[in-house]
C-alpha atoms as a PDB file:
ATOM      1  CA  MET A   1     259.090-162.841   2.588  1.00  0.00           C
ATOM      2  CA  ILE A   2     260.448-159.312   2.190  1.00  0.00           C
ATOM      3  CA  ILE A   3     260.285-157.820  -1.314  1.00  0.00           C
ATOM      4  CA  PRO A   4     262.717-154.972  -2.064  1.00  0.00           C
ATOM      5  CA  MET A   5     261.019-151.739  -3.168  1.00  0.00           C
ATOM      6  CA  PHE A   6     263.657-150.527  -5.628  1.00  0.00           C
ATOM      7  CA  ILE A   7     264.545-151.365  -9.217  1.00  0.00           C
ATOM      8  CA  GLY A   8     268.153-152.178  -9.982  1.00  0.00           C
ATOM      9  CA  THR A   9     270.130-152.093 -13.218  1.00  0.00           C
ATOM     10  CA  THR A  10     269.436-155.754 -13.976  1.00  0.00           C
ATOM     11  CA  GLU A  11     265.687-155.251 -13.715  1.00  0.00           C
ATOM     12  CA  LEU A  12     265.791-152.182 -15.973  1.00  0.00           C
ATOM     13  CA  ILE A  13     267.757-154.085 -18.623  1.00  0.00           C
ATOM     14  CA  LEU A  14     265.309-156.996 -18.405  1.00  0.00           C
ATOM     15  CA  VAL A  15     262.267-154.705 -18.796  1.00  0.00           C
ATOM     16  CA  GLY A  16     263.948-152.910 -21.722  1.00  0.00           C
ATOM     17  CA  ALA A  17     264.726-156.195 -23.472  1.00  0.00           C
ATOM     18  CA  ILE A  18     261.145-157.430 -23.069  1.00  0.00           C
ATOM     19  CA  ALA A  19     259.778-154.121 -24.410  1.00  0.00           C
ATOM     20  CA  LEU A  20     262.146-154.345 -27.390  1.00  0.00           C
ATOM     21  CA  LEU A  21     260.986-157.875 -28.141  1.00  0.00           C
ATOM     22  CA  LEU A  22     257.298-156.991 -27.819  1.00  0.00           C
ATOM     23  CA  PHE A  23     257.216-153.728 -29.759  1.00  0.00           C
ATOM     24  CA  GLY A  24     260.254-153.885 -32.036  1.00  0.00           C
ATOM     25  CA  GLY A  25     263.031-151.390 -32.683  1.00  0.00           C
ATOM     26  CA  LYS A  26     260.999-149.003 -34.850  1.00  0.00           C
ATOM     27  CA  LYS A  27     257.911-148.674 -32.665  1.00  0.00           C
ATOM     28  CA  LEU A  28     259.670-148.354 -29.300  1.00  0.00           C
ATOM     29  CA  PRO A  29     261.151-144.826 -29.831  1.00  0.00           C
ATOM     30  CA  GLU A  30     257.756-143.557 -31.010  1.00  0.00           C
ATOM     31  CA  MET A  31     256.107-144.954 -27.898  1.00  0.00           C
ATOM     32  CA  MET A  32     258.712-143.424 -25.588  1.00  0.00           C
ATOM     33  CA  ARG A  33     258.344-140.049 -27.330  1.00  0.00           C
ATOM     34  CA  GLY A  34     254.573-140.197 -26.846  1.00  0.00           C
ATOM     35  CA  LEU A  35     255.021-141.164 -23.213  1.00  0.00           C
ATOM     36  CA  GLY A  36     257.379-138.232 -22.658  1.00  0.00           C
ATOM     37  CA  GLN A  37     254.980-135.778 -24.315  1.00  0.00           C
ATOM     38  CA  GLY A  38     252.112-137.116 -22.221  1.00  0.00           C
ATOM     39  CA  MET A  39     254.085-136.703 -19.005  1.00  0.00           C
ATOM     40  CA  LYS A  40     255.103-133.175 -20.033  1.00  0.00           C
ATOM     41  CA  SER A  41     251.513-132.125 -20.741  1.00  0.00           C
ATOM     42  CA  PHE A  42     250.374-133.700 -17.457  1.00  0.00           C
ATOM     43  CA  LYS A  43     252.961-131.705 -15.498  1.00  0.00           C
ATOM     44  CA  GLU A  44     251.983-128.505 -17.313  1.00  0.00           C
ATOM     45  CA  GLY A  45     248.343-129.184 -16.495  1.00  0.00           C
ATOM     46  CA  MET A  46     249.176-129.695 -12.832  1.00  0.00           C
ATOM     47  CA  ASN A  47     250.951-126.315 -12.703  1.00  0.00           C
ATOM     48  CA  GLU A  48     248.071-124.352 -14.268  1.00  0.00           C
ATOM     49  CA  PRO A  49     245.799-122.524 -11.832  1.00  0.00           C
ATOM     50  CA  LEU A  50     242.332-123.934 -11.395  1.00  0.00           C
ATOM     51  CA  GLU A  51     239.609-121.944 -13.116  1.00  0.00           C
ATOM     52  CA  LYS A  52     236.533-120.846 -11.248  1.00  0.00           C
ATOM     53  CA  PRO A  53     233.595-123.037 -12.312  1.00  0.00           C
ATOM     54  CA  ALA A  54     230.963-121.349 -14.449  1.00  0.00           C
ATOM     55  CA  GLU A  55     227.859-120.209 -12.648  1.00  0.00           C
ATOM     56  CA  PRO A  56     224.590-121.742 -13.840  1.00  0.00           C
ATOM     57  CA  VAL A  57     222.434-119.483 -16.005  1.00  0.00           C
ATOM     58  CA  LYS A  58     219.147-118.476 -14.433  1.00  0.00           C
ATOM     59  CA  GLU A  59     215.878-119.008 -16.300  1.00  0.00           C
ATOM     60  CA  GLU A  60     215.234-115.253 -16.663  1.00  0.00           C
ATOM     61  CA  GLU A  61     218.651-114.764 -18.307  1.00  0.00           C
ATOM     62  CA  GLN A  62     217.955-117.643 -20.712  1.00  0.00           C
ATOM     63  CA  GLN A  63     214.649-116.088 -21.796  1.00  0.00           C
ATOM     64  CA  GLU A  64     216.297-112.689 -22.327  1.00  0.00           C
ATOM     65  CA  SER A  65     219.071-114.151 -24.465  1.00  0.00           C
ATOM     66  CA  GLY A  66     216.571-115.993 -26.683  1.00  0.00           C
ATOM     67  CA  GLU A  67     217.687-119.494 -25.745  1.00  0.00           C
ATOM     68  CA  PRO A  68     214.872-122.046 -25.496  1.00  0.00           C
ATOM     69  CA  LYS A  69     213.848-123.147 -22.045  1.00  0.00           C
ATOM     70  CA  GLU A  70     214.393-126.852 -21.266  1.00  0.00           C
ATOM     71  CA  GLN A  71     211.311-128.798 -20.212  1.00  0.00           C
ATOM     72  CA  ASN A  72     212.141-132.246 -18.794  1.00  0.00           C
ATOM     73  CA  GLY A  73     213.578-133.574 -22.060  1.00  0.00           C
ATOM     74  CA  GLU A  74     210.530-132.568 -24.137  1.00  0.00           C
ATOM     75  CA  GLU A  75     210.702-129.964 -26.885  1.00  0.00           C
END
């Protein structure tokens, strides 16, 4: 059986009606607004350049800066 890979107007109306019944008229706009803001921030994050990962601090530099040296989970 071949299943079409597109969503028509009837399907969109059906999904909208089910969402309206499940979440109600007051909650649905808030959810859509949150979804839109999430998509916007995701797209902005995808467009930002990747930062160079921080280099690990060597033991000598830790001792000079006064930070305690880690010892296998014991202090």
